[in-house]
C-alpha atoms as a PDB file:
ATOM      1  CA  MET A   1     -12.335 -25.520  -5.085  1.00  0.00           C
ATOM      2  CA  HIS A   2     -11.860 -21.733  -5.327  1.00  0.00           C
ATOM      3  CA  ASN A   3      -9.349 -20.690  -7.971  1.00  0.00           C
ATOM      4  CA  SER A   4      -7.116 -17.923  -6.627  1.00  0.00           C
ATOM      5  CA  ASP A   5      -6.082 -16.979 -10.168  1.00  0.00           C
ATOM      6  CA  PRO A   6      -9.169 -17.261 -12.401  1.00  0.00           C
ATOM      7  CA  LEU A   7      -9.336 -16.660 -16.110  1.00  0.00           C
ATOM      8  CA  VAL A   8     -10.303 -13.112 -17.034  1.00  0.00           C
ATOM      9  CA  ILE A   9     -13.375 -14.421 -18.901  1.00  0.00           C
ATOM     10  CA  GLU A  10     -14.551 -16.078 -15.682  1.00  0.00           C
ATOM     11  CA  ILE A  11     -14.872 -12.784 -13.810  1.00  0.00           C
ATOM     12  CA  GLY A  12     -16.045 -10.657 -16.754  1.00  0.00           C
ATOM     13  CA  GLU A  13     -14.970  -7.393 -18.357  1.00  0.00           C
ATOM     14  CA  LEU A  14     -16.210  -4.961 -15.691  1.00  0.00           C
ATOM     15  CA  ALA A  15     -14.605  -6.835 -12.794  1.00  0.00           C
ATOM     16  CA  ALA A  16     -11.361  -7.283 -14.746  1.00  0.00           C
ATOM     17  CA  ILE A  17     -11.183  -3.585 -15.602  1.00  0.00           C
ATOM     18  CA  LYS A  18     -11.888  -2.647 -12.000  1.00  0.00           C
ATOM     19  CA  LEU A  19      -9.033  -4.864 -10.812  1.00  0.00           C
ATOM     20  CA  ALA A  20      -6.619  -3.595 -13.466  1.00  0.00           C
ATOM     21  CA  THR A  21      -7.390   0.086 -12.900  1.00  0.00           C
ATOM     22  CA  SER A  22      -6.802  -0.364  -9.183  1.00  0.00           C
ATOM     23  CA  GLN A  23      -3.092  -0.411 -10.130  1.00  0.00           C
ATOM     24  CA  PHE A  24      -3.241   3.108 -11.565  1.00  0.00           C
ATOM     25  CA  ARG A  25      -2.903   6.472  -9.877  1.00  0.00           C
ATOM     26  CA  THR A  26      -4.263   9.783 -11.086  1.00  0.00           C
ATOM     27  CA  ALA A  27      -2.266  12.820 -12.189  1.00  0.00           C
ATOM     28  CA  SER A  28      -2.945  16.497 -11.606  1.00  0.00           C
ATOM     29  CA  SER A  29      -4.037  16.888 -15.239  1.00  0.00           C
ATOM     30  CA  THR A  30      -6.669  14.137 -14.915  1.00  0.00           C
ATOM     31  CA  LEU A  31     -10.059  15.780 -14.358  1.00  0.00           C
ATOM     32  CA  VAL A  32     -12.123  12.631 -15.061  1.00  0.00           C
ATOM     33  CA  GLY A  33     -10.378   9.264 -15.157  1.00  0.00           C
ATOM     34  CA  PRO A  34     -11.503   5.666 -15.738  1.00  0.00           C
ATOM     35  CA  GLY A  35     -15.149   4.909 -15.016  1.00  0.00           C
ATOM     36  CA  ASP A  36     -17.110   7.225 -17.319  1.00  0.00           C
ATOM     37  CA  ASP A  37     -17.725   6.986 -21.055  1.00  0.00           C
ATOM     38  CA  ALA A  38     -14.713   9.195 -21.705  1.00  0.00           C
ATOM     39  CA  ALA A  39     -11.857  10.821 -19.821  1.00  0.00           C
ATOM     40  CA  VAL A  40     -11.319  14.535 -19.308  1.00  0.00           C
ATOM     41  CA  VAL A  41      -7.787  15.941 -19.181  1.00  0.00           C
ATOM     42  CA  GLY A  42      -6.745  19.492 -18.380  1.00  0.00           C
ATOM     43  CA  LEU A  43      -4.312  21.296 -20.680  1.00  0.00           C
ATOM     44  CA  SER A  44      -2.115  24.344 -20.222  1.00  0.00           C
ATOM     45  CA  ALA A  45      -2.889  25.524 -23.777  1.00  0.00           C
ATOM     46  CA  PRO A  46      -5.494  24.873 -26.503  1.00  0.00           C
ATOM     47  CA  SER A  47      -3.255  22.416 -28.393  1.00  0.00           C
ATOM     48  CA  VAL A  48      -2.497  18.800 -27.481  1.00  0.00           C
ATOM     49  CA  VAL A  49       0.064  16.334 -28.885  1.00  0.00           C
ATOM     50  CA  ILE A  50      -1.423  12.901 -29.627  1.00  0.00           C
ATOM     51  CA  THR A  51       0.175   9.639 -30.775  1.00  0.00           C
ATOM     52  CA  THR A  52      -0.825   5.997 -30.881  1.00  0.00           C
ATOM     53  CA  ASP A  53       1.012   2.692 -31.252  1.00  0.00           C
ATOM     54  CA  THR A  54      -0.043  -0.945 -31.564  1.00  0.00           C
ATOM     55  CA  MET A  55       1.686  -4.129 -30.402  1.00  0.00           C
ATOM     56  CA  ILE A  56       0.466  -7.517 -31.687  1.00  0.00           C
ATOM     57  CA  GLN A  57       1.416 -10.928 -30.305  1.00  0.00           C
ATOM     58  CA  GLY A  58       3.555 -12.911 -32.745  1.00  0.00           C
ATOM     59  CA  HIS A  59       4.468  -9.819 -34.743  1.00  0.00           C
ATOM     60  CA  ASP A  60       5.729  -7.277 -32.213  1.00  0.00           C
ATOM     61  CA  PHE A  61       6.309  -9.539 -29.202  1.00  0.00           C
ATOM     62  CA  ARG A  62       6.258 -13.135 -28.011  1.00  0.00           C
ATOM     63  CA  LEU A  63       4.761 -14.207 -24.719  1.00  0.00           C
ATOM     64  CA  ASN A  64       7.587 -16.701 -24.112  1.00  0.00           C
ATOM     65  CA  THR A  65      10.151 -13.877 -23.964  1.00  0.00           C
ATOM     66  CA  SER A  66       8.107 -10.876 -22.768  1.00  0.00           C
ATOM     67  CA  SER A  67       6.292 -10.981 -19.441  1.00  0.00           C
ATOM     68  CA  ALA A  68       3.025  -9.133 -18.873  1.00  0.00           C
ATOM     69  CA  PHE A  69       4.966  -6.548 -16.843  1.00  0.00           C
ATOM     70  CA  ASP A  70       7.468  -6.098 -19.698  1.00  0.00           C
ATOM     71  CA  LEU A  71       4.657  -5.494 -22.190  1.00  0.00           C
ATOM     72  CA  GLY A  72       2.971  -2.900 -19.995  1.00  0.00           C
ATOM     73  CA  PHE A  73       6.241  -1.053 -19.424  1.00  0.00           C
ATOM     74  CA  LYS A  74       7.186  -1.162 -23.119  1.00  0.00           C
ATOM     75  CA  ALA A  75       3.747   0.032 -24.214  1.00  0.00           C
ATOM     76  CA  VAL A  76       4.270   3.130 -22.078  1.00  0.00           C
ATOM     77  CA  ALA A  77       7.867   3.710 -23.214  1.00  0.00           C
ATOM     78  CA  SER A  78       7.198   3.455 -26.945  1.00  0.00           C
ATOM     79  CA  ASN A  79       4.311   5.917 -26.820  1.00  0.00           C
ATOM     80  CA  ILE A  80       5.688   8.569 -24.504  1.00  0.00           C
ATOM     81  CA  ALA A  81       8.890   8.625 -26.580  1.00  0.00           C
ATOM     82  CA  ASP A  82       6.820   9.735 -29.575  1.00  0.00           C
ATOM     83  CA  VAL A  83       5.164  12.466 -27.516  1.00  0.00           C
ATOM     84  CA  ALA A  84       8.529  13.658 -26.195  1.00  0.00           C
ATOM     85  CA  ALA A  85       9.962  13.671 -29.732  1.00  0.00           C
ATOM     86  CA  MET A  86       7.545  16.528 -30.466  1.00  0.00           C
ATOM     87  CA  GLY A  87       8.861  18.505 -27.495  1.00  0.00           C
ATOM     88  CA  ALA A  88       5.816  17.722 -25.325  1.00  0.00           C
ATOM     89  CA  LYS A  89       5.545  16.146 -21.873  1.00  0.00           C
ATOM     90  CA  PRO A  90       3.238  13.106 -21.563  1.00  0.00           C
ATOM     91  CA  ILE A  91       0.141  13.748 -19.423  1.00  0.00           C
ATOM     92  CA  ALA A  92      -2.374  11.003 -20.253  1.00  0.00           C
ATOM     93  CA  LEU A  93      -2.580   7.523 -21.806  1.00  0.00           C
ATOM     94  CA  VAL A  94      -5.558   5.530 -23.049  1.00  0.00           C
ATOM     95  CA  VAL A  95      -4.942   1.769 -23.198  1.00  0.00           C
ATOM     96  CA  SER A  96      -7.023  -0.640 -25.276  1.00  0.00           C
ATOM     97  CA  MET A  97      -6.208  -4.306 -25.459  1.00  0.00           C
ATOM     98  CA  ALA A  98      -7.472  -7.703 -26.453  1.00  0.00           C
ATOM     99  CA  ILE A  99      -6.548 -10.755 -24.404  1.00  0.00           C
ATOM    100  CA  THR A 100      -7.149 -14.422 -25.148  1.00  0.00           C
ATOM    101  CA  ARG A 101      -9.733 -16.633 -23.452  1.00  0.00           C
ATOM    102  CA  GLU A 102      -6.836 -18.333 -21.630  1.00  0.00           C
ATOM    103  CA  THR A 103      -5.507 -15.120 -20.049  1.00  0.00           C
ATOM    104  CA  ARG A 104      -5.564 -15.184 -16.264  1.00  0.00           C
ATOM    105  CA  VAL A 105      -6.315 -12.311 -13.936  1.00  0.00           C
ATOM    106  CA  SER A 106      -2.756 -12.368 -12.565  1.00  0.00           C
ATOM    107  CA  TRP A 107      -1.385 -11.726 -16.083  1.00  0.00           C
ATOM    108  CA  LEU A 108      -3.701  -8.746 -16.564  1.00  0.00           C
ATOM    109  CA  MET A 109      -2.743  -7.349 -13.158  1.00  0.00           C
ATOM    110  CA  GLU A 110       0.965  -7.658 -13.977  1.00  0.00           C
ATOM    111  CA  PHE A 111       0.388  -5.888 -17.291  1.00  0.00           C
ATOM    112  CA  ALA A 112      -1.354  -3.042 -15.464  1.00  0.00           C
ATOM    113  CA  ARG A 113       1.483  -2.911 -12.937  1.00  0.00           C
ATOM    114  CA  GLY A 114       3.982  -2.635 -15.800  1.00  0.00           C
ATOM    115  CA  LEU A 115       2.003   0.269 -17.203  1.00  0.00           C
ATOM    116  CA  GLN A 116       2.055   2.114 -13.898  1.00  0.00           C
ATOM    117  CA  VAL A 117       5.730   1.442 -13.127  1.00  0.00           C
ATOM    118  CA  GLY A 118       6.613   2.628 -16.632  1.00  0.00           C
ATOM    119  CA  ILE A 119       4.707   5.843 -16.019  1.00  0.00           C
ATOM    120  CA  ASP A 120       6.264   6.288 -12.575  1.00  0.00           C
ATOM    121  CA  GLN A 121       9.781   5.920 -13.963  1.00  0.00           C
ATOM    122  CA  LEU A 122       9.434   7.690 -17.292  1.00  0.00           C
ATOM    123  CA  ALA A 123       6.522  10.134 -17.095  1.00  0.00           C
ATOM    124  CA  PRO A 124       5.514  10.737 -13.474  1.00  0.00           C
ATOM    125  CA  ASP A 125       3.180  13.596 -14.452  1.00  0.00           C
ATOM    126  CA  ALA A 126       1.079  11.274 -16.624  1.00  0.00           C
ATOM    127  CA  ALA A 127      -1.700   8.794 -15.870  1.00  0.00           C
ATOM    128  CA  VAL A 128      -3.778   6.091 -17.534  1.00  0.00           C
ATOM    129  CA  VAL A 129      -7.149   7.811 -17.942  1.00  0.00           C
ATOM    130  CA  GLY A 130      -9.166   5.110 -19.706  1.00  0.00           C
ATOM    131  CA  GLY A 131      -9.245   2.329 -22.272  1.00  0.00           C
ATOM    132  CA  ASP A 132     -11.027  -0.823 -23.374  1.00  0.00           C
ATOM    133  CA  LEU A 133     -10.727  -4.578 -22.860  1.00  0.00           C
ATOM    134  CA  ALA A 134     -11.814  -7.338 -25.261  1.00  0.00           C
ATOM    135  CA  THR A 135     -10.958 -10.931 -26.199  1.00  0.00           C
ATOM    136  CA  ALA A 136      -9.327 -12.188 -29.388  1.00  0.00           C
ATOM    137  CA  GLU A 137      -7.246 -15.079 -30.715  1.00  0.00           C
ATOM    138  CA  GLN A 138      -4.029 -13.289 -29.730  1.00  0.00           C
ATOM    139  CA  VAL A 139      -2.981 -10.484 -27.424  1.00  0.00           C
ATOM    140  CA  PHE A 140      -3.326  -7.014 -28.947  1.00  0.00           C
ATOM    141  CA  ILE A 141      -2.214  -3.823 -27.191  1.00  0.00           C
ATOM    142  CA  SER A 142      -2.938  -0.295 -28.385  1.00  0.00           C
ATOM    143  CA  VAL A 143      -1.952   2.847 -26.472  1.00  0.00           C
ATOM    144  CA  THR A 144      -2.831   6.436 -27.283  1.00  0.00           C
ATOM    145  CA  ALA A 145      -0.669   8.995 -25.483  1.00  0.00           C
ATOM    146  CA  HIS A 146      -1.368  12.696 -25.032  1.00  0.00           C
ATOM    147  CA  GLY A 147       1.212  15.403 -24.396  1.00  0.00           C
ATOM    148  CA  ASP A 148       1.213  19.024 -23.275  1.00  0.00           C
ATOM    149  CA  LEU A 149       3.800  21.494 -24.592  1.00  0.00           C
ATOM    150  CA  PHE A 150       3.598  23.660 -21.444  1.00  0.00           C
ATOM    151  CA  GLY A 151       4.646  26.702 -23.427  1.00  0.00           C
ATOM    152  CA  SER A 152       7.541  25.044 -25.260  1.00  0.00           C
ATOM    153  CA  ASP A 153       7.843  25.195 -29.031  1.00  0.00           C
ATOM    154  CA  LEU A 154       6.635  22.250 -31.082  1.00  0.00           C
ATOM    155  CA  ILE A 155       9.544  20.300 -32.604  1.00  0.00           C
ATOM    156  CA  LEU A 156       8.983  18.597 -35.963  1.00  0.00           C
ATOM    157  CA  ARG A 157      11.015  16.326 -38.221  1.00  0.00           C
ATOM    158  CA  SER A 158      10.989  19.051 -40.853  1.00  0.00           C
ATOM    159  CA  GLY A 159      13.039  21.712 -39.050  1.00  0.00           C
ATOM    160  CA  ALA A 160      16.617  20.707 -39.911  1.00  0.00           C
ATOM    161  CA  SER A 161      18.751  23.097 -41.963  1.00  0.00           C
ATOM    162  CA  PRO A 162      22.196  22.838 -43.584  1.00  0.00           C
ATOM    163  CA  GLY A 163      24.833  23.665 -40.992  1.00  0.00           C
ATOM    164  CA  ASP A 164      22.968  22.026 -38.115  1.00  0.00           C
ATOM    165  CA  GLN A 165      24.599  19.264 -36.099  1.00  0.00           C
ATOM    166  CA  ILE A 166      23.204  15.709 -35.927  1.00  0.00           C
ATOM    167  CA  ALA A 167      23.093  14.206 -32.449  1.00  0.00           C
ATOM    168  CA  VAL A 168      21.702  11.224 -30.548  1.00  0.00           C
ATOM    169  CA  CYS A 169      20.256  11.408 -27.060  1.00  0.00           C
ATOM    170  CA  GLY A 170      20.284   7.885 -25.625  1.00  0.00           C
ATOM    171  CA  THR A 171      21.625   4.495 -26.658  1.00  0.00           C
ATOM    172  CA  LEU A 172      21.947   2.801 -30.047  1.00  0.00           C
ATOM    173  CA  GLY A 173      21.974  -0.908 -30.857  1.00  0.00           C
ATOM    174  CA  LYS A 174      21.337  -2.251 -27.364  1.00  0.00           C
ATOM    175  CA  ALA A 175      17.732  -3.263 -27.959  1.00  0.00           C
ATOM    176  CA  ALA A 176      18.602  -5.002 -31.247  1.00  0.00           C
ATOM    177  CA  ALA A 177      21.437  -6.916 -29.578  1.00  0.00           C
ATOM    178  CA  GLY A 178      19.083  -7.786 -26.725  1.00  0.00           C
ATOM    179  CA  LEU A 179      16.493  -9.170 -29.128  1.00  0.00           C
ATOM    180  CA  GLU A 180      19.037 -11.420 -30.820  1.00  0.00           C
ATOM    181  CA  LEU A 181      20.191 -12.670 -27.425  1.00  0.00           C
ATOM    182  CA  LEU A 182      16.615 -13.390 -26.337  1.00  0.00           C
ATOM    183  CA  GLU A 183      15.838 -15.310 -29.520  1.00  0.00           C
ATOM    184  CA  HIS A 184      19.023 -17.385 -29.518  1.00  0.00           C
ATOM    185  CA  PRO A 185      18.571 -21.121 -28.765  1.00  0.00           C
ATOM    186  CA  ASP A 186      21.193 -20.888 -26.016  1.00  0.00           C
ATOM    187  CA  LYS A 187      19.113 -19.237 -23.291  1.00  0.00           C
ATOM    188  CA  SER A 188      22.154 -18.692 -21.054  1.00  0.00           C
ATOM    189  CA  LEU A 189      23.211 -15.831 -23.340  1.00  0.00           C
ATOM    190  CA  ALA A 190      20.224 -13.667 -22.457  1.00  0.00           C
ATOM    191  CA  LYS A 191      20.926 -14.158 -18.749  1.00  0.00           C
ATOM    192  CA  SER A 192      24.548 -13.141 -19.253  1.00  0.00           C
ATOM    193  CA  TYR A 193      23.660  -9.849 -20.928  1.00  0.00           C
ATOM    194  CA  SER A 194      20.685  -8.630 -18.930  1.00  0.00           C
ATOM    195  CA  GLU A 195      21.610  -4.987 -19.565  1.00  0.00           C
ATOM    196  CA  LEU A 196      20.941  -5.512 -23.270  1.00  0.00           C
ATOM    197  CA  THR A 197      17.870  -7.715 -22.958  1.00  0.00           C
ATOM    198  CA  ASP A 198      16.368  -5.295 -20.434  1.00  0.00           C
ATOM    199  CA  ILE A 199      16.589  -2.473 -22.996  1.00  0.00           C
ATOM    200  CA  GLN A 200      14.724  -4.665 -25.484  1.00  0.00           C
ATOM    201  CA  LEU A 201      12.047  -5.736 -23.001  1.00  0.00           C
ATOM    202  CA  ARG A 202      11.739  -2.472 -21.068  1.00  0.00           C
ATOM    203  CA  PRO A 203      13.295   0.408 -23.052  1.00  0.00           C
ATOM    204  CA  ILE A 204      14.197   3.596 -21.186  1.00  0.00           C
ATOM    205  CA  PRO A 205      13.724   6.680 -23.380  1.00  0.00           C
ATOM    206  CA  PRO A 206      15.986   9.389 -21.871  1.00  0.00           C
ATOM    207  CA  LEU A 207      13.201  11.909 -21.309  1.00  0.00           C
ATOM    208  CA  ALA A 208      14.823  13.715 -18.394  1.00  0.00           C
ATOM    209  CA  THR A 209      18.007  14.334 -20.394  1.00  0.00           C
ATOM    210  CA  LEU A 210      16.016  15.367 -23.434  1.00  0.00           C
ATOM    211  CA  PHE A 211      13.849  17.907 -21.639  1.00  0.00           C
ATOM    212  CA  GLN A 212      16.937  19.541 -20.149  1.00  0.00           C
ATOM    213  CA  GLY A 213      18.290  20.125 -23.657  1.00  0.00           C
ATOM    214  CA  LEU A 214      15.334  21.230 -25.777  1.00  0.00           C
ATOM    215  CA  ASP A 215      16.833  24.642 -26.468  1.00  0.00           C
ATOM    216  CA  GLY A 216      18.526  24.658 -29.840  1.00  0.00           C
ATOM    217  CA  ILE A 217      16.896  21.479 -31.184  1.00  0.00           C
ATOM    218  CA  THR A 218      15.702  22.202 -34.720  1.00  0.00           C
ATOM    219  CA  ALA A 219      14.274  18.769 -35.644  1.00  0.00           C
ATOM    220  CA  MET A 220      13.735  15.492 -33.828  1.00  0.00           C
ATOM    221  CA  LEU A 221      12.225  12.022 -33.919  1.00  0.00           C
ATOM    222  CA  ASP A 222      12.109   8.898 -31.782  1.00  0.00           C
ATOM    223  CA  ILE A 223      14.565   6.238 -33.006  1.00  0.00           C
ATOM    224  CA  SER A 224      12.124   3.353 -32.905  1.00  0.00           C
ATOM    225  CA  ASP A 225      12.912   1.538 -36.155  1.00  0.00           C
ATOM    226  CA  GLY A 226      16.669   2.010 -36.544  1.00  0.00           C
ATOM    227  CA  LEU A 227      19.080   4.908 -37.052  1.00  0.00           C
ATOM    228  CA  SER A 228      19.479   4.460 -40.819  1.00  0.00           C
ATOM    229  CA  LEU A 229      15.728   4.284 -41.428  1.00  0.00           C
ATOM    230  CA  ASP A 230      14.725   7.047 -39.030  1.00  0.00           C
ATOM    231  CA  ALA A 231      17.538   9.318 -40.218  1.00  0.00           C
ATOM    232  CA  ARG A 232      16.201   8.967 -43.767  1.00  0.00           C
ATOM    233  CA  ARG A 233      12.733   9.964 -42.510  1.00  0.00           C
ATOM    234  CA  LEU A 234      14.123  13.114 -40.893  1.00  0.00           C
ATOM    235  CA  ALA A 235      16.199  13.970 -43.970  1.00  0.00           C
ATOM    236  CA  ASP A 236      13.193  13.537 -46.261  1.00  0.00           C
ATOM    237  CA  ALA A 237      10.913  15.597 -44.018  1.00  0.00           C
ATOM    238  CA  SER A 238      13.436  18.448 -43.821  1.00  0.00           C
ATOM    239  CA  GLY A 239      14.572  18.279 -47.443  1.00  0.00           C
ATOM    240  CA  VAL A 240      18.228  17.979 -46.434  1.00  0.00           C
ATOM    241  CA  GLN A 241      21.072  15.490 -46.387  1.00  0.00           C
ATOM    242  CA  LEU A 242      22.330  13.955 -43.149  1.00  0.00           C
ATOM    243  CA  ALA A 243      26.053  13.173 -43.155  1.00  0.00           C
ATOM    244  CA  ILE A 244      26.926  10.718 -40.367  1.00  0.00           C
ATOM    245  CA  GLU A 245      30.485   9.848 -39.341  1.00  0.00           C
ATOM    246  CA  SER A 246      31.115   6.236 -38.357  1.00  0.00           C
ATOM    247  CA  SER A 247      33.931   7.298 -36.016  1.00  0.00           C
ATOM    248  CA  LYS A 248      31.300   9.070 -33.898  1.00  0.00           C
ATOM    249  CA  LEU A 249      29.385   5.786 -33.544  1.00  0.00           C
ATOM    250  CA  LEU A 250      32.282   3.624 -32.341  1.00  0.00           C
ATOM    251  CA  GLY A 251      31.419   4.127 -28.683  1.00  0.00           C
ATOM    252  CA  PHE A 252      27.910   2.749 -29.248  1.00  0.00           C
ATOM    253  CA  ALA A 253      29.343  -0.306 -31.014  1.00  0.00           C
ATOM    254  CA  ALA A 254      32.125  -0.946 -28.492  1.00  0.00           C
ATOM    255  CA  VAL A 255      29.731  -1.828 -25.672  1.00  0.00           C
ATOM    256  CA  LEU A 256      28.140  -4.488 -27.901  1.00  0.00           C
ATOM    257  CA  GLU A 257      31.308  -6.281 -29.011  1.00  0.00           C
ATOM    258  CA  GLN A 258      31.393  -8.803 -26.184  1.00  0.00           C
ATOM    259  CA  ALA A 259      27.800  -9.844 -26.829  1.00  0.00           C
ATOM    260  CA  ALA A 260      28.570 -10.273 -30.535  1.00  0.00           C
ATOM    261  CA  ASP A 261      31.587 -12.444 -29.675  1.00  0.00           C
ATOM    262  CA  SER A 262      29.540 -14.568 -27.294  1.00  0.00           C
ATOM    263  CA  LEU A 263      26.862 -15.159 -29.917  1.00  0.00           C
ATOM    264  CA  GLN A 264      29.504 -16.146 -32.456  1.00  0.00           C
ATOM    265  CA  SER A 265      31.102 -18.584 -30.010  1.00  0.00           C
ATOM    266  CA  ARG A 266      27.755 -20.419 -29.757  1.00  0.00           C
ATOM    267  CA  ASP A 267      26.749 -20.638 -33.423  1.00  0.00           C
ATOM    268  CA  GLY A 268      29.808 -19.616 -35.479  1.00  0.00           C
ATOM    269  CA  LYS A 269      27.971 -16.694 -37.073  1.00  0.00           C
ATOM    270  CA  GLN A 270      29.969 -13.474 -37.139  1.00  0.00           C
ATOM    271  CA  ARG A 271      28.120 -10.307 -36.178  1.00  0.00           C
ATOM    272  CA  ASP A 272      29.194  -6.709 -36.662  1.00  0.00           C
ATOM    273  CA  PRO A 273      27.993  -4.595 -33.705  1.00  0.00           C
ATOM    274  CA  MET A 274      27.858  -1.609 -36.041  1.00  0.00           C
ATOM    275  CA  ASP A 275      24.927  -3.264 -37.824  1.00  0.00           C
ATOM    276  CA  TRP A 276      22.957  -3.167 -34.569  1.00  0.00           C
ATOM    277  CA  VAL A 277      23.933   0.478 -34.087  1.00  0.00           C
ATOM    278  CA  LEU A 278      22.947   1.543 -37.601  1.00  0.00           C
ATOM    279  CA  HIS A 279      19.896  -0.592 -38.232  1.00  0.00           C
ATOM    280  CA  GLY A 280      18.608  -1.858 -34.889  1.00  0.00           C
ATOM    281  CA  GLY A 281      15.481  -0.268 -33.470  1.00  0.00           C
ATOM    282  CA  GLU A 282      13.558  -0.067 -30.201  1.00  0.00           C
ATOM    283  CA  ASP A 283      16.109   1.722 -28.047  1.00  0.00           C
ATOM    284  CA  HIS A 284      13.668   4.644 -28.209  1.00  0.00           C
ATOM    285  CA  SER A 285      16.449   7.189 -28.088  1.00  0.00           C
ATOM    286  CA  PHE A 286      16.125  10.504 -29.898  1.00  0.00           C
ATOM    287  CA  LEU A 287      17.704  11.616 -33.158  1.00  0.00           C
ATOM    288  CA  VAL A 288      17.972  15.404 -33.153  1.00  0.00           C
ATOM    289  CA  THR A 289      19.487  18.191 -35.167  1.00  0.00           C
ATOM    290  CA  LEU A 290      21.030  21.038 -33.186  1.00  0.00           C
ATOM    291  CA  ALA A 291      21.633  24.610 -34.244  1.00  0.00           C
ATOM    292  CA  PRO A 292      25.321  25.368 -34.897  1.00  0.00           C
ATOM    293  CA  GLY A 293      27.331  25.816 -31.699  1.00  0.00           C
ATOM    294  CA  VAL A 294      24.692  24.274 -29.426  1.00  0.00           C
ATOM    295  CA  SER A 295      25.776  21.469 -27.098  1.00  0.00           C
ATOM    296  CA  HIS A 296      23.926  19.639 -24.345  1.00  0.00           C
ATOM    297  CA  ARG A 297      24.996  17.113 -21.749  1.00  0.00           C
ATOM    298  CA  GLY A 298      23.893  13.612 -22.773  1.00  0.00           C
ATOM    299  CA  PHE A 299      23.726  14.414 -26.509  1.00  0.00           C
ATOM    300  CA  LYS A 300      26.302  12.732 -28.752  1.00  0.00           C
ATOM    301  CA  VAL A 301      27.056  14.593 -31.993  1.00  0.00           C
ATOM    302  CA  ILE A 302      27.383  12.081 -34.865  1.00  0.00           C
ATOM    303  CA  GLY A 303      27.469  14.261 -37.967  1.00  0.00           C
ATOM    304  CA  SER A 304      26.189  17.332 -39.754  1.00  0.00           C
ATOM    305  CA  VAL A 305      23.298  18.494 -41.913  1.00  0.00           C
ATOM    306  CA  GLN A 306      24.107  19.394 -45.512  1.00  0.00           C
ATOM    307  CA  GLN A 307      22.338  20.494 -48.644  1.00  0.00           C
ATOM    308  CA  GLY A 308      21.071  17.573 -50.675  1.00  0.00           C
ATOM    309  CA  SER A 309      19.003  14.527 -49.867  1.00  0.00           C
ATOM    310  CA  GLY A 310      19.247  11.154 -48.161  1.00  0.00           C
ATOM    311  CA  VAL A 311      21.737   9.912 -45.582  1.00  0.00           C
ATOM    312  CA  LEU A 312      25.489   9.472 -45.947  1.00  0.00           C
ATOM    313  CA  LEU A 313      27.863   7.409 -43.824  1.00  0.00           C
ATOM    314  CA  ASP A 314      31.457   8.553 -44.280  1.00  0.00           C
ATOM    315  CA  GLY A 315      30.485  10.155 -47.588  1.00  0.00           C
ATOM    316  CA  LYS A 316      28.708   7.094 -49.020  1.00  0.00           C
ATOM    317  CA  GLU A 317      24.965   6.561 -49.216  1.00  0.00           C
ATOM    318  CA  LEU A 318      23.559   4.726 -46.193  1.00  0.00           C
ATOM    319  CA  ALA A 319      20.668   2.572 -47.340  1.00  0.00           C
ATOM    320  CA  PRO A 320      17.734   2.669 -44.915  1.00  0.00           C
ATOM    321  CA  SER A 321      17.226  -0.613 -43.121  1.00  0.00           C
ATOM    322  CA  GLY A 322      15.361  -1.431 -39.935  1.00  0.00           C
ATOM    323  CA  TRP A 323      12.037  -2.528 -38.532  1.00  0.00           C
ATOM    324  CA  ASP A 324       8.942  -2.086 -40.692  1.00  0.00           C
ATOM    325  CA  SER A 325       5.762  -2.501 -38.661  1.00  0.00           C
ATOM    326  CA  VAL A 326       3.770  -3.653 -41.705  1.00  0.00           C
ATOM    327  CA  SER A 327       6.169  -6.045 -43.448  1.00  0.00           C
ATOM    328  CA  GLY A 328       8.059  -6.977 -40.246  1.00  0.00           C
END
């Protein structure tokens, strides 16, 4: 009997790639896309911004909580956020992955669809221009994203100066709360807080808001591993001290209080939403420093840059804590 959803290994690499790439569209910058030994992408200037990120089953995601679509979408979001954090607009992605011998064609097609929907929603001027497909004992996803500055200035982590403002563009703590909800034994919790679990499964970096407010940004990075940890990285790179005010973070924590209460009602464990805000990663928002007097819609000022080193919260040292991709 004909199997309408065969295993990927049953149809082979070339056929699987052909099916998956049928989900993708080209972009104006794509001169040569999938099908040749390498892709060719047009640039507006001689320089290109490049980043890469890896997601490994069992370490970065679990197949029982993340669908193939979720993984494709998240792979796009996490990479284009890094490109945007340099002040560049994403134009091309190369996707390499390993699937298991039990992976079915429908799963691969849904992953490809997640990639394309993520691009459509977050970086409509970009396209998947190539990649590779292999088999392994677990699913492995690696994306390399390319960005074009289109005449804008490059923004580094090292540009902050004393007197600058510290601001966040995007959400804080939602993805961390969503992860705890997804991993809780009571599965009804995740269904009750889909807004939070959606941010964990399919993060939405606020690129449109960011690109409308690039003027006056002196330093920036993608908050992928947690505010306390990423703030320390920016402070170290710039050779300054970041002084954060907890009162400026209360709004981020307030929207997480009900979820924290619901979790506690199930297992008796008390949770402080501020911990998610300070140390939770994967919202893929942007931590920026702004020149004095600069303000932009959608940017929340949370403190100031001072002489010194490290990160302070209400005048006391804030120890860096968050996700470490090596130690986990």
